[in-house]
Amino acid sequence: MAVSLKVRFEDAAPRAALARAAEGARDLTELMDQIGSVLVNGAVERIGQTNVAPSGTPWPKSLRAQLGGGEDGEPGAGNAGPTLHDTGQLMRSITELPAPTQVTVGSNMIYAGVHQTGATIRPKTKKALSFTLANGDAVTVGSVTIPARPYLGISEEESADIEELSLQYFADLLDEELR
């Protein structure tokens, strides 16, 4: 004798929850805003405190920080402060722009990209570059290489936070209809 069991999914609440989750997946702006906040906070912490790339690699100490009294503490009172935190402008300029399927995190400071990726600066019209160091010494050189000090990116901790936010976002969408 043949036996069969047929199960149908007709409950309105789970169907509504799945529809809401599907709709929520089309416009993730709210989730992207939360993810953006995690990434902005991470970049701010790297610039203002840790001086460590998202990968966990410590940044090369800047000459300004070396000449100005070291990395520890806030700028001022004879202390240059952390490497990318002279005036704090770069740190304060980090923003996020959420959209339905992505979030953009960055800075509009003209030098932001140089610090993120590094650069070699060479004179355009002269044979050498001349400038004054943080300690007041005047120098003339053929070029200046600024090492990359990545402050934007996703650390392991931020990745875990983003995963948790994402799971909670969809759990909330599903749960809202079931309450």
Protein backbone atom coordinates (compact mmCIF):
# COMPACT_ATOMS: atom_id res chain seq x y z
CA MET A 1 0.00 0.00 0.00
CA ALA A 2 1.40 3.42 -0.98
CA VAL A 3 1.29 6.20 1.54
CA SER A 4 1.96 9.90 1.00
CA LEU A 5 1.86 13.05 3.05
CA LYS A 6 1.33 16.45 1.53
CA VAL A 7 2.20 19.60 3.47
CA ARG A 8 1.14 23.01 2.21
CA PHE A 9 2.39 26.34 3.34
CA GLU A 10 -0.77 28.40 3.75
CA ASP A 11 -0.24 30.27 6.99
CA ALA A 12 -0.60 34.00 6.32
CA ALA A 13 1.83 35.19 9.01
CA PRO A 14 4.92 33.35 7.69
CA ARG A 15 4.03 34.38 4.12
CA ALA A 16 3.74 38.00 5.20
CA ALA A 17 7.05 37.79 7.09
CA LEU A 18 8.81 36.36 4.04
CA ALA A 19 7.29 39.05 1.82
CA ARG A 20 8.47 41.73 4.27
CA ALA A 21 11.98 40.21 4.32
CA ALA A 22 12.02 40.19 0.51
CA GLU A 23 10.92 43.84 0.44
CA GLY A 24 13.49 44.71 3.09
CA ALA A 25 16.21 43.11 0.95
CA ARG A 26 15.31 45.40 -1.99
CA ASP A 27 16.07 48.55 -0.01
CA LEU A 28 18.79 48.01 2.58
CA THR A 29 19.36 51.72 3.27
CA GLU A 30 18.61 51.32 7.00
CA LEU A 31 21.05 48.40 7.29
CA MET A 32 23.65 50.21 5.16
CA ASP A 33 23.38 53.21 7.52
CA GLN A 34 24.11 50.95 10.50
CA ILE A 35 27.04 49.32 8.66
CA GLY A 36 28.33 52.78 7.72
CA SER A 37 28.32 53.80 11.38
CA VAL A 38 30.42 50.74 12.26
CA LEU A 39 32.93 51.60 9.53
CA VAL A 40 33.10 55.31 10.40
CA ASN A 41 33.67 54.48 14.07
CA GLY A 42 36.41 52.03 13.08
CA ALA A 43 38.19 54.61 10.92
CA VAL A 44 37.91 57.25 13.64
CA GLU A 45 39.35 54.83 16.19
CA ARG A 46 42.25 53.94 13.88
CA ILE A 47 43.11 57.61 13.28
CA GLY A 48 42.56 58.86 16.83
CA GLN A 49 43.80 55.94 18.90
CA THR A 50 45.16 52.69 17.53
CA ASN A 51 47.22 53.68 14.45
CA VAL A 52 46.59 50.18 13.10
CA ALA A 53 45.25 49.28 9.63
CA PRO A 54 42.00 47.28 9.33
CA SER A 55 44.21 44.23 8.67
CA GLY A 56 45.78 44.66 12.12
CA THR A 57 49.11 45.92 10.76
CA PRO A 58 50.54 48.88 12.71
CA TRP A 59 51.15 52.02 10.65
CA PRO A 60 54.64 53.39 10.18
CA LYS A 61 55.06 56.22 12.67
CA SER A 62 55.04 59.61 10.95
CA LEU A 63 58.05 61.90 11.14
CA ARG A 64 55.78 64.59 12.64
CA ALA A 65 54.80 62.24 15.46
CA GLN A 66 58.42 61.17 15.97
CA LEU A 67 59.69 64.75 16.10
CA GLY A 68 56.75 66.03 18.13
CA GLY A 69 57.09 63.80 21.15
CA GLY A 70 55.64 60.44 20.25
CA GLU A 71 52.40 58.65 19.56
CA ASP A 72 50.79 58.50 22.96
CA GLY A 73 48.06 60.88 24.01
CA GLU A 74 46.26 63.78 22.45
CA PRO A 75 48.03 66.45 20.42
CA GLY A 76 49.23 69.51 22.29
CA ALA A 77 51.20 70.03 25.49
CA GLY A 78 54.41 69.04 23.71
CA ASN A 79 52.85 65.90 22.27
CA ALA A 80 52.28 65.50 18.54
CA GLY A 81 49.61 62.86 19.05
CA PRO A 82 48.97 59.84 16.86
CA THR A 83 50.34 59.71 13.32
CA LEU A 84 47.27 60.86 11.33
CA HIS A 85 45.88 62.99 14.15
CA ASP A 86 47.65 66.34 13.99
CA THR A 87 44.68 68.69 13.81
CA GLY A 88 41.97 66.01 13.87
CA GLN A 89 40.50 67.22 10.57
CA LEU A 90 40.91 63.90 8.78
CA MET A 91 39.28 62.02 11.64
CA ARG A 92 36.36 64.46 11.81
CA SER A 93 35.88 64.34 8.03
CA ILE A 94 35.06 60.61 7.87
CA THR A 95 31.43 60.24 6.77
CA GLU A 96 29.08 57.60 5.45
CA LEU A 97 26.48 57.76 2.71
CA PRO A 98 24.00 54.87 2.79
CA ALA A 99 22.06 53.75 -0.29
CA PRO A 100 19.66 50.85 -0.99
CA THR A 101 22.41 48.32 -1.77
CA GLN A 102 25.66 49.86 -0.52
CA VAL A 103 27.27 52.33 1.83
CA THR A 104 30.11 54.68 0.91
CA VAL A 105 32.54 55.62 3.69
CA GLY A 106 35.29 58.17 3.17
CA SER A 107 36.68 61.65 3.53
CA ASN A 108 36.56 64.73 1.33
CA MET A 109 39.94 65.98 2.58
CA ILE A 110 42.33 66.51 -0.33
CA TYR A 111 45.07 64.47 1.37
CA ALA A 112 42.81 61.59 2.51
CA GLY A 113 43.70 59.32 -0.41
CA VAL A 114 47.42 59.88 0.06
CA HIS A 115 47.24 58.65 3.63
CA GLN A 116 45.04 55.68 2.71
CA THR A 117 47.15 54.41 -0.21
CA GLY A 118 50.51 56.17 0.16
CA ALA A 119 52.25 58.35 -2.43
CA THR A 120 55.57 59.66 -3.65
CA ILE A 121 55.68 63.43 -4.08
CA ARG A 122 58.14 64.84 -6.61
CA PRO A 123 58.70 68.45 -7.69
CA LYS A 124 56.83 69.48 -10.85
CA THR A 125 58.86 72.48 -11.98
CA LYS A 126 61.92 72.55 -9.71
CA LYS A 127 64.74 70.09 -9.08
CA ALA A 128 63.88 69.62 -5.41
CA LEU A 129 61.20 70.03 -2.76
CA SER A 130 61.83 72.45 0.11
CA PHE A 131 59.78 72.50 3.28
CA THR A 132 59.99 72.87 7.06
CA LEU A 133 59.67 69.88 9.40
CA ALA A 134 57.53 69.87 12.54
CA ASN A 135 60.63 70.61 14.63
CA GLY A 136 61.41 73.74 12.57
CA ASP A 137 64.26 72.27 10.48
CA ALA A 138 64.26 73.33 6.82
CA VAL A 139 64.96 70.50 4.37
CA THR A 140 65.42 70.14 0.62
CA VAL A 141 64.91 66.71 -0.97
CA GLY A 142 64.35 65.19 -4.41
CA SER A 143 61.13 63.44 -3.36
CA VAL A 144 59.08 62.48 -0.34
CA THR A 145 57.46 59.07 0.06
CA ILE A 146 54.43 58.90 2.30
CA PRO A 147 53.70 55.29 3.27
CA ALA A 148 50.18 53.91 3.11
CA ARG A 149 48.37 54.12 6.42
CA PRO A 150 45.00 52.53 5.67
CA TYR A 151 42.30 53.84 7.96
CA LEU A 152 39.32 52.84 5.79
CA GLY A 153 38.43 49.17 5.51
CA ILE A 154 36.85 46.37 7.48
CA SER A 155 38.64 44.82 10.44
CA GLU A 156 37.79 41.34 11.72
CA GLU A 157 35.87 42.89 14.61
CA GLU A 158 33.94 45.19 12.26
CA SER A 159 33.19 42.25 9.97
CA ALA A 160 31.68 40.36 12.91
CA ASP A 161 29.67 43.46 13.90
CA ILE A 162 28.38 43.83 10.33
CA GLU A 163 27.39 40.16 10.20
CA GLU A 164 25.54 40.52 13.51
CA LEU A 165 23.76 43.69 12.33
CA SER A 166 22.75 41.96 9.08
CA LEU A 167 21.39 38.90 10.84
CA GLN A 168 19.49 41.07 13.31
CA TYR A 169 18.09 43.24 10.50
CA PHE A 170 16.53 40.24 8.75
CA ALA A 171 15.48 38.56 12.00
CA ASP A 172 13.62 41.75 12.90
CA LEU A 173 11.90 41.82 9.51
CA LEU A 174 10.77 38.22 9.89
CA ASP A 175 9.80 38.57 13.53
CA GLU A 176 7.82 41.78 13.09
CA GLU A 177 5.13 40.03 11.08
CA LEU A 178 4.96 37.07 13.45
CA ARG A 179 4.24 39.12 16.59
